[in-house]
Structures are given as C-alpha cells and as structure tokens.
N, C-alpha and C. Protein backbone atom coordinates (compact mmCIF):
# COMPACT_ATOMS: atom_id res chain seq x y z
N UNK A 1 0.86 -1.16 0.00
CA UNK A 1 0.00 0.00 0.00
C UNK A 1 0.91 1.23 0.00
N UNK A 2 0.63 2.22 -0.89
CA UNK A 2 1.49 3.40 -0.91
C UNK A 2 1.30 4.21 0.36
N UNK A 3 2.28 5.08 0.65
CA UNK A 3 2.29 5.78 1.93
C UNK A 3 1.13 6.78 2.07
N UNK A 4 0.71 7.42 0.96
CA UNK A 4 -0.43 8.33 1.05
C UNK A 4 -1.71 7.62 1.41
N UNK A 5 -1.94 6.47 0.77
CA UNK A 5 -3.15 5.70 1.06
C UNK A 5 -3.10 5.15 2.49
N UNK A 6 -1.91 4.66 2.89
CA UNK A 6 -1.77 4.15 4.22
C UNK A 6 -2.05 5.24 5.25
N UNK A 7 -1.55 6.44 5.00
CA UNK A 7 -1.78 7.56 5.90
C UNK A 7 -3.25 7.93 5.99
N UNK A 8 -3.97 7.87 4.86
CA UNK A 8 -5.39 8.16 4.86
C UNK A 8 -6.16 7.12 5.67
N UNK A 9 -5.87 5.85 5.46
CA UNK A 9 -6.53 4.76 6.18
C UNK A 9 -6.25 4.91 7.68
N UNK A 10 -4.99 5.16 8.01
CA UNK A 10 -4.60 5.32 9.41
C UNK A 10 -5.34 6.50 10.03
N UNK A 11 -5.40 7.63 9.34
CA UNK A 11 -6.11 8.80 9.84
C UNK A 11 -7.58 8.53 10.08
N UNK A 12 -8.22 7.82 9.15
CA UNK A 12 -9.63 7.48 9.31
C UNK A 12 -9.84 6.54 10.50
N UNK A 13 -8.94 5.59 10.67
CA UNK A 13 -9.04 4.65 11.79
C UNK A 13 -8.93 5.38 13.12
N UNK A 14 -7.98 6.29 13.25
CA UNK A 14 -7.81 7.05 14.50
C UNK A 14 -9.04 7.90 14.76
N UNK A 15 -9.56 8.56 13.73
CA UNK A 15 -10.76 9.37 13.90
C UNK A 15 -11.96 8.52 14.31
N UNK A 16 -12.07 7.32 13.74
CA UNK A 16 -13.14 6.41 14.11
C UNK A 16 -13.03 6.00 15.57
N UNK A 17 -11.83 5.66 16.03
CA UNK A 17 -11.65 5.27 17.44
C UNK A 17 -12.00 6.41 18.37
N UNK A 18 -11.59 7.62 18.01
CA UNK A 18 -11.91 8.77 18.87
C UNK A 18 -13.40 9.08 18.86
N UNK A 19 -14.05 8.85 17.74
CA UNK A 19 -15.50 9.04 17.67
C UNK A 19 -16.19 8.08 18.64
N UNK A 20 -15.74 6.83 18.65
CA UNK A 20 -16.31 5.84 19.60
C UNK A 20 -16.08 6.28 21.04
N UNK A 21 -14.86 6.71 21.36
CA UNK A 21 -14.57 7.17 22.71
C UNK A 21 -15.43 8.37 23.07
N UNK A 22 -15.55 9.31 22.14
CA UNK A 22 -16.30 10.53 22.41
C UNK A 22 -17.77 10.23 22.64
N UNK A 23 -18.30 9.29 21.86
CA UNK A 23 -19.73 8.94 22.03
C UNK A 23 -19.97 8.33 23.41
N UNK A 24 -19.00 7.61 23.93
CA UNK A 24 -19.18 6.98 25.22
C UNK A 24 -18.71 7.83 26.39
N UNK A 25 -17.85 8.84 26.12
CA UNK A 25 -17.27 9.60 27.22
C UNK A 25 -17.43 11.10 27.11
N UNK A 26 -17.55 11.65 25.92
CA UNK A 26 -17.63 13.09 25.77
C UNK A 26 -16.26 13.74 25.70
N UNK A 27 -15.37 13.36 26.56
CA UNK A 27 -14.01 13.88 26.62
C UNK A 27 -13.06 12.69 26.65
N UNK A 28 -12.03 12.74 25.86
CA UNK A 28 -11.05 11.65 25.92
C UNK A 28 -9.85 12.15 26.71
N UNK A 29 -9.37 11.29 27.58
CA UNK A 29 -8.23 11.63 28.43
C UNK A 29 -7.21 10.50 28.29
N UNK A 30 -6.00 10.88 27.98
CA UNK A 30 -4.93 9.91 27.82
C UNK A 30 -3.79 10.19 28.75
N UNK A 31 -2.95 9.17 28.94
CA UNK A 31 -1.75 9.31 29.77
C UNK A 31 -0.55 8.84 28.96
N UNK A 32 0.59 9.44 29.19
CA UNK A 32 1.84 9.05 28.56
C UNK A 32 2.94 9.02 29.62
N UNK A 33 3.80 8.00 29.51
CA UNK A 33 4.89 7.80 30.48
C UNK A 33 6.22 8.15 29.85
N UNK A 34 6.93 9.08 30.45
CA UNK A 34 8.29 9.40 30.03
C UNK A 34 9.21 8.57 30.92
N UNK A 35 9.90 7.61 30.30
CA UNK A 35 10.80 6.72 31.03
C UNK A 35 12.19 6.89 30.45
N UNK A 36 13.14 7.22 31.32
CA UNK A 36 14.54 7.36 30.90
C UNK A 36 15.36 6.33 31.66
N UNK A 37 16.15 5.53 30.93
CA UNK A 37 16.94 4.50 31.59
C UNK A 37 18.24 5.07 32.17
N UNK A 38 19.03 4.22 32.84
CA UNK A 38 20.26 4.67 33.48
C UNK A 38 21.26 5.25 32.50
N UNK A 39 21.17 4.87 31.23
CA UNK A 39 22.07 5.41 30.21
C UNK A 39 21.59 6.70 29.59
N UNK A 40 20.47 7.24 30.10
CA UNK A 40 19.95 8.50 29.59
C UNK A 40 19.11 8.36 28.33
N UNK A 41 18.71 7.13 27.99
CA UNK A 41 17.90 6.90 26.80
C UNK A 41 16.42 6.93 27.18
N UNK A 42 15.62 7.42 26.25
CA UNK A 42 14.18 7.52 26.48
C UNK A 42 13.46 6.35 25.81
N UNK A 43 12.44 5.84 26.49
CA UNK A 43 11.65 4.71 25.99
C UNK A 43 10.53 5.21 25.09
N UNK A 44 10.44 4.63 23.89
CA UNK A 44 9.39 4.97 22.93
C UNK A 44 8.77 3.70 22.38
N UNK A 45 7.51 3.81 21.96
CA UNK A 45 6.81 2.67 21.35
C UNK A 45 6.21 3.11 20.01
N UNK A 46 6.01 2.11 19.15
CA UNK A 46 5.28 2.32 17.91
C UNK A 46 3.99 1.53 18.01
N UNK A 47 2.87 2.21 17.83
CA UNK A 47 1.58 1.56 17.82
C UNK A 47 1.27 1.06 16.42
N UNK A 48 0.41 0.07 16.32
CA UNK A 48 0.04 -0.46 15.01
C UNK A 48 -1.03 0.38 14.34
N UNK A 49 -1.74 1.19 15.10
CA UNK A 49 -2.90 1.91 14.58
C UNK A 49 -2.64 3.36 14.26
N UNK A 50 -1.44 3.89 14.54
CA UNK A 50 -1.10 5.26 14.22
C UNK A 50 0.39 5.34 13.94
N UNK A 51 0.79 6.28 13.14
CA UNK A 51 2.20 6.35 12.75
C UNK A 51 3.02 7.07 13.80
N UNK A 52 4.32 6.87 13.73
CA UNK A 52 5.25 7.57 14.59
C UNK A 52 5.57 6.84 15.88
N UNK A 53 6.63 7.32 16.50
CA UNK A 53 7.06 6.81 17.82
C UNK A 53 6.46 7.71 18.90
N UNK A 54 6.01 7.09 19.97
CA UNK A 54 5.32 7.80 21.06
C UNK A 54 5.86 7.32 22.41
N UNK A 55 5.56 8.11 23.45
CA UNK A 55 5.77 7.58 24.80
C UNK A 55 4.74 6.49 25.03
N UNK A 56 5.08 5.49 25.85
CA UNK A 56 4.05 4.48 26.18
C UNK A 56 2.87 5.16 26.88
N UNK A 57 1.68 4.65 26.62
CA UNK A 57 0.50 5.19 27.28
C UNK A 57 -0.76 4.85 26.53
N UNK A 58 -1.84 5.43 26.99
CA UNK A 58 -3.14 5.17 26.37
C UNK A 58 -4.23 5.88 27.08
N UNK A 59 -5.46 5.40 26.88
CA UNK A 59 -6.63 6.06 27.42
C UNK A 59 -6.93 5.71 28.87
N UNK A 60 -7.53 6.67 29.54
CA UNK A 60 -8.01 6.48 30.91
C UNK A 60 -9.45 5.98 30.80
N UNK A 61 -9.73 4.88 31.43
CA UNK A 61 -11.07 4.27 31.39
C UNK A 61 -12.00 4.94 32.40
N UNK A 62 -13.32 4.86 32.18
CA UNK A 62 -14.25 5.39 33.16
C UNK A 62 -14.00 4.74 34.53
N UNK A 63 -14.13 5.52 35.57
CA UNK A 63 -13.93 5.07 36.96
C UNK A 63 -12.51 4.62 37.24
N UNK A 64 -11.55 5.05 36.45
CA UNK A 64 -10.14 4.68 36.67
C UNK A 64 -9.36 5.91 37.10
N UNK A 65 -8.51 5.72 38.12
CA UNK A 65 -7.61 6.78 38.57
C UNK A 65 -6.53 6.95 37.53
N UNK A 66 -6.17 8.19 37.23
CA UNK A 66 -5.22 8.49 36.16
C UNK A 66 -3.90 7.73 36.36
N UNK A 67 -3.36 7.74 37.58
CA UNK A 67 -2.10 7.05 37.83
C UNK A 67 -2.22 5.53 37.65
N UNK A 68 -3.40 5.00 37.93
CA UNK A 68 -3.65 3.58 37.70
C UNK A 68 -3.64 3.27 36.19
N UNK A 69 -4.24 4.16 35.42
CA UNK A 69 -4.24 4.00 33.96
C UNK A 69 -2.79 4.06 33.43
N UNK A 70 -2.01 4.96 33.96
CA UNK A 70 -0.60 5.08 33.57
C UNK A 70 0.17 3.78 33.86
N UNK A 71 -0.01 3.26 35.07
CA UNK A 71 0.66 2.02 35.44
C UNK A 71 0.20 0.85 34.58
N UNK A 72 -1.11 0.79 34.32
CA UNK A 72 -1.67 -0.28 33.49
C UNK A 72 -1.12 -0.23 32.08
N UNK A 73 -1.15 0.94 31.46
CA UNK A 73 -0.68 1.09 30.08
C UNK A 73 0.82 0.81 29.98
N UNK A 74 1.58 1.29 30.92
CA UNK A 74 3.03 1.06 30.92
C UNK A 74 3.35 -0.42 31.01
N UNK A 75 2.64 -1.12 31.89
CA UNK A 75 2.83 -2.57 32.04
C UNK A 75 2.41 -3.31 30.79
N UNK A 76 1.25 -2.95 30.23
CA UNK A 76 0.74 -3.63 29.04
C UNK A 76 1.64 -3.44 27.83
N UNK A 77 2.15 -2.23 27.67
CA UNK A 77 2.89 -1.92 26.44
C UNK A 77 4.38 -2.23 26.52
N UNK A 78 4.94 -2.26 27.73
CA UNK A 78 6.40 -2.44 27.86
C UNK A 78 6.82 -3.52 28.82
N UNK A 79 5.97 -3.89 29.75
CA UNK A 79 6.33 -4.83 30.80
C UNK A 79 6.94 -4.18 32.04
N UNK A 80 7.15 -2.85 31.99
CA UNK A 80 7.76 -2.14 33.13
C UNK A 80 6.70 -1.82 34.18
N UNK A 81 7.18 -1.69 35.43
CA UNK A 81 6.31 -1.34 36.56
C UNK A 81 6.77 -0.02 37.16
N UNK A 82 5.81 0.80 37.55
CA UNK A 82 6.15 2.02 38.28
C UNK A 82 6.68 1.65 39.66
N UNK A 83 7.72 2.38 40.12
CA UNK A 83 8.26 2.10 41.47
C UNK A 83 8.05 3.26 42.41
N UNK A 84 7.54 4.37 41.93
CA UNK A 84 7.21 5.52 42.79
C UNK A 84 6.10 6.30 42.14
N UNK A 85 5.59 7.28 42.85
CA UNK A 85 4.54 8.13 42.29
C UNK A 85 5.11 8.89 41.09
N UNK A 86 4.43 8.84 39.97
CA UNK A 86 4.91 9.56 38.79
C UNK A 86 4.78 11.07 39.00
N UNK A 87 5.66 11.82 38.34
CA UNK A 87 5.64 13.28 38.43
C UNK A 87 4.96 13.85 37.19
N UNK A 88 3.90 14.61 37.42
CA UNK A 88 3.17 15.21 36.29
C UNK A 88 4.02 16.27 35.61
N UNK A 89 4.28 16.08 34.33
CA UNK A 89 5.00 17.09 33.55
C UNK A 89 4.04 18.16 33.03
N UNK A 90 2.86 17.72 32.59
CA UNK A 90 1.89 18.67 32.10
C UNK A 90 0.67 18.03 31.51
N UNK A 91 -0.34 18.86 31.26
CA UNK A 91 -1.59 18.44 30.64
C UNK A 91 -1.67 19.18 29.31
N UNK A 92 -1.89 18.43 28.23
CA UNK A 92 -1.81 19.00 26.89
C UNK A 92 -3.07 18.72 26.09
N UNK A 93 -3.50 19.73 25.36
CA UNK A 93 -4.66 19.63 24.48
C UNK A 93 -4.22 19.07 23.15
N UNK A 94 -4.79 17.93 22.76
CA UNK A 94 -4.40 17.24 21.54
C UNK A 94 -5.43 17.55 20.43
N UNK A 95 -5.43 18.79 19.98
CA UNK A 95 -6.43 19.23 18.99
C UNK A 95 -6.26 18.55 17.63
N UNK A 96 -5.09 17.98 17.35
CA UNK A 96 -4.89 17.27 16.08
C UNK A 96 -5.76 16.02 16.01
N UNK A 97 -6.07 15.45 17.15
CA UNK A 97 -6.90 14.24 17.18
C UNK A 97 -8.38 14.61 17.24
N UNK A 98 -8.75 15.48 18.17
CA UNK A 98 -10.13 15.96 18.25
C UNK A 98 -10.16 17.16 19.19
N UNK A 99 -11.28 17.84 19.20
CA UNK A 99 -11.42 18.98 20.10
C UNK A 99 -11.78 18.55 21.53
N UNK A 100 -11.77 17.25 21.78
CA UNK A 100 -12.12 16.70 23.09
C UNK A 100 -10.96 15.98 23.78
N UNK A 101 -9.80 15.93 23.14
CA UNK A 101 -8.71 15.06 23.62
C UNK A 101 -7.66 15.80 24.42
N UNK A 102 -7.34 15.27 25.61
CA UNK A 102 -6.29 15.82 26.46
C UNK A 102 -5.35 14.69 26.87
N UNK A 103 -4.07 15.03 26.99
CA UNK A 103 -3.03 14.05 27.32
C UNK A 103 -2.28 14.53 28.57
N UNK A 104 -2.18 13.65 29.57
CA UNK A 104 -1.39 13.93 30.75
C UNK A 104 -0.06 13.22 30.60
N UNK A 105 1.04 13.94 30.72
CA UNK A 105 2.38 13.38 30.53
C UNK A 105 3.05 13.33 31.92
N UNK A 106 3.55 12.13 32.26
CA UNK A 106 4.20 11.90 33.54
C UNK A 106 5.64 11.45 33.35
N UNK A 107 6.51 11.92 34.21
CA UNK A 107 7.88 11.42 34.26
C UNK A 107 7.88 10.29 35.29
N UNK A 108 8.36 9.13 34.87
CA UNK A 108 8.19 7.90 35.66
C UNK A 108 9.51 7.23 36.00
N UNK A 109 9.55 6.67 37.20
CA UNK A 109 10.64 5.78 37.57
C UNK A 109 10.06 4.36 37.52
N UNK A 110 10.82 3.48 36.87
CA UNK A 110 10.29 2.11 36.67
C UNK A 110 11.30 1.07 37.08
N UNK A 111 10.80 -0.14 37.13
CA UNK A 111 11.67 -1.31 37.33
C UNK A 111 11.24 -2.40 36.37
N UNK A 112 12.17 -3.32 36.13
CA UNK A 112 11.89 -4.42 35.23
C UNK A 112 12.60 -4.22 33.91
N UNK A 113 12.37 -5.17 33.04
CA UNK A 113 12.98 -5.15 31.70
C UNK A 113 11.88 -4.98 30.67
N UNK A 114 12.21 -4.24 29.61
CA UNK A 114 11.26 -4.10 28.51
C UNK A 114 11.11 -5.46 27.86
N UNK A 115 9.87 -5.87 27.64
CA UNK A 115 9.59 -7.19 27.08
C UNK A 115 9.13 -7.09 25.64
N UNK A 116 9.85 -7.73 24.74
CA UNK A 116 9.43 -7.78 23.33
C UNK A 116 8.32 -8.83 23.16
N UNK A 117 8.06 -9.62 24.18
CA UNK A 117 6.99 -10.60 24.13
C UNK A 117 5.61 -9.93 24.09
N UNK A 118 5.58 -8.63 24.42
CA UNK A 118 4.32 -7.90 24.48
C UNK A 118 3.90 -7.34 23.13
N UNK A 119 4.77 -7.47 22.13
CA UNK A 119 4.41 -6.97 20.80
C UNK A 119 3.18 -7.71 20.32
N UNK A 120 2.16 -6.97 19.88
CA UNK A 120 0.89 -7.58 19.53
C UNK A 120 0.14 -6.74 18.52
N UNK A 121 -1.17 -6.81 18.57
CA UNK A 121 -1.97 -6.04 17.64
C UNK A 121 -1.92 -4.54 17.92
N UNK A 122 -1.50 -4.14 19.11
CA UNK A 122 -1.45 -2.72 19.47
C UNK A 122 -0.04 -2.14 19.35
N UNK A 123 0.97 -2.87 19.79
CA UNK A 123 2.34 -2.37 19.81
C UNK A 123 3.17 -3.17 18.82
N UNK A 124 3.84 -2.45 17.89
CA UNK A 124 4.67 -3.13 16.90
C UNK A 124 6.16 -3.09 17.23
N UNK A 125 6.61 -2.05 17.96
CA UNK A 125 8.02 -1.92 18.32
C UNK A 125 8.14 -1.17 19.64
N UNK A 126 9.19 -1.50 20.38
CA UNK A 126 9.51 -0.83 21.63
C UNK A 126 11.01 -0.66 21.66
N UNK A 127 11.50 0.51 22.11
CA UNK A 127 12.93 0.67 22.19
C UNK A 127 13.33 1.91 22.98
N UNK A 128 14.58 1.87 23.46
CA UNK A 128 15.20 3.02 24.11
C UNK A 128 16.05 3.74 23.07
N UNK A 129 16.03 5.08 23.11
CA UNK A 129 16.76 5.90 22.15
C UNK A 129 17.50 7.02 22.86
N UNK A 130 18.71 7.32 22.37
CA UNK A 130 19.44 8.49 22.89
C UNK A 130 18.70 9.74 22.45
N UNK A 131 18.69 10.73 23.30
CA UNK A 131 17.98 11.97 23.01
C UNK A 131 18.52 12.61 21.72
N UNK A 132 19.81 12.53 21.49
CA UNK A 132 20.40 13.11 20.29
C UNK A 132 20.28 12.23 19.06
N UNK A 133 19.71 11.04 19.20
CA UNK A 133 19.59 10.12 18.09
C UNK A 133 18.20 9.44 18.11
N UNK A 134 17.18 10.28 18.06
CA UNK A 134 15.80 9.77 18.09
C UNK A 134 15.44 9.16 16.74
N UNK A 135 14.50 8.23 16.74
CA UNK A 135 14.12 7.59 15.47
C UNK A 135 13.39 8.57 14.54
N UNK A 136 13.39 8.23 13.26
CA UNK A 136 12.62 9.02 12.31
C UNK A 136 11.14 8.83 12.63
N UNK A 137 10.36 9.79 12.20
CA UNK A 137 8.90 9.72 12.35
C UNK A 137 8.44 9.69 13.81
N UNK A 138 9.16 10.45 14.67
CA UNK A 138 8.69 10.57 16.05
C UNK A 138 7.47 11.49 16.05
N UNK A 139 6.50 11.17 16.85
CA UNK A 139 5.29 11.98 16.97
C UNK A 139 5.68 13.41 17.37
N UNK A 140 5.15 14.42 16.69
CA UNK A 140 5.54 15.81 17.00
C UNK A 140 5.29 16.21 18.46
N UNK A 141 4.16 15.78 19.03
CA UNK A 141 3.89 16.09 20.44
C UNK A 141 4.90 15.44 21.36
N UNK A 142 5.28 14.21 21.05
CA UNK A 142 6.29 13.50 21.83
C UNK A 142 7.62 14.24 21.76
N UNK A 143 7.98 14.67 20.57
CA UNK A 143 9.24 15.41 20.40
C UNK A 143 9.21 16.72 21.16
N UNK A 144 8.09 17.44 21.14
CA UNK A 144 7.99 18.70 21.90
C UNK A 144 8.14 18.45 23.39
N UNK A 145 7.49 17.39 23.90
CA UNK A 145 7.60 17.10 25.33
C UNK A 145 9.05 16.79 25.70
N UNK A 146 9.73 16.04 24.86
CA UNK A 146 11.16 15.73 25.14
C UNK A 146 11.99 16.99 25.22
N UNK A 147 11.78 17.92 24.31
CA UNK A 147 12.53 19.18 24.31
C UNK A 147 12.24 19.95 25.59
N UNK A 148 10.97 19.97 26.00
CA UNK A 148 10.62 20.66 27.24
C UNK A 148 11.35 20.06 28.44
N UNK A 149 11.39 18.74 28.48
CA UNK A 149 11.98 18.05 29.62
C UNK A 149 13.50 18.13 29.60
N UNK A 150 14.11 17.85 28.45
CA UNK A 150 15.57 17.80 28.36
C UNK A 150 16.18 19.19 28.29
N UNK A 151 15.61 20.05 27.46
CA UNK A 151 16.18 21.39 27.25
C UNK A 151 15.53 22.44 28.15
N UNK A 152 14.65 22.00 29.03
CA UNK A 152 13.93 22.89 29.96
C UNK A 152 13.23 24.03 29.22
N UNK A 153 12.65 23.70 28.06
CA UNK A 153 11.88 24.69 27.31
C UNK A 153 10.49 24.82 27.89
N UNK A 154 9.89 25.98 27.72
CA UNK A 154 8.56 26.24 28.23
C UNK A 154 7.51 25.40 27.49
N UNK A 155 6.55 24.87 28.24
CA UNK A 155 5.48 24.07 27.64
C UNK A 155 4.53 24.93 26.83
N UNK A 156 3.98 24.36 25.77
CA UNK A 156 3.01 25.07 24.96
C UNK A 156 1.58 24.69 25.33
N UNK A 157 1.39 23.60 26.05
CA UNK A 157 0.10 23.07 26.45
C UNK A 157 -0.75 22.59 25.29
N UNK A 158 -0.17 22.51 24.11
CA UNK A 158 -0.78 21.90 22.94
C UNK A 158 0.06 20.69 22.60
N UNK A 159 -0.55 19.56 22.40
CA UNK A 159 0.20 18.34 22.12
C UNK A 159 1.01 18.54 20.87
C-alpha cells in the first residue's frame, strides 16, 4: 500500500476510534509515560494503529484513577512497573486528534525489563533511544515534550 493511502486509512481509523470514545465519554483523556533508563535513553513505542514513535500510554477508562491508567498502560505496552509516584510534567490539548482530547504526561521511575513478548496487535516496536539520536517519524507532540523536559523549554500546552 502506498504511503499516502496508508496515511489516509490510518487517519480514518484514528478518527473512528476517537469518535467511539467521544460517544461513550464526551471527553477523551490519555496518559503518557516518560521513562529514561540509566544510560539516559528515552523509551518509545510504535503503535500499530497510528504512525510515529510515542511515549508508552493510552486512554483512561471510566472510573479509573489516572495514575492507575498510567501504570496499566506502561505494564501492558512495555512490561515495566512504576516504582514511585509519577511526576506530572503537564496536561496537553491534543487538537490534532479531536477537540475533546487531552493528554497527561508523567515522568516515571520504573523497574523491570522491557519485554518484546508484548508486541501484539497494538504495539509493533519498543525501544530506548538516545535523546540526540531519536528515530525518524517521532510523533511531534512527543518530540515537543522531550525538548521541554531535556532542554527545559517552556510548555506550549498543545500536544
């Protein structure tokens, strides 16, 4: 499939998923985990349903505490466990997805090893990357958050 067609299909799929979430929730709320290993590398994942590299994370379910959603998504997508309370970096409006989407980004301390056994229908790749050598096609919001954290740049509050 050519890249333009793949991008269109991917865009429609993401919009469809957000429409389902919006119909059931009105507002979509997501969480993302910023995990940096002892070597100073940042953990990123590639989802099967959207392009680019992202921080691990996902949606907060009804009646779920935000930090519980963060721990759940981190464990599901990478196999890592939180070892302390995560530090909120910021809350960002993700208008590129919909006018209802917000993302909470947390800086996390974890334990365990990243498991490639978790690659499935949702996650296609997981890896640690040096800040100066990030993969191609990193999600723009993810890249902005990294610059804020590493270079201490001011947040824009837009994903």
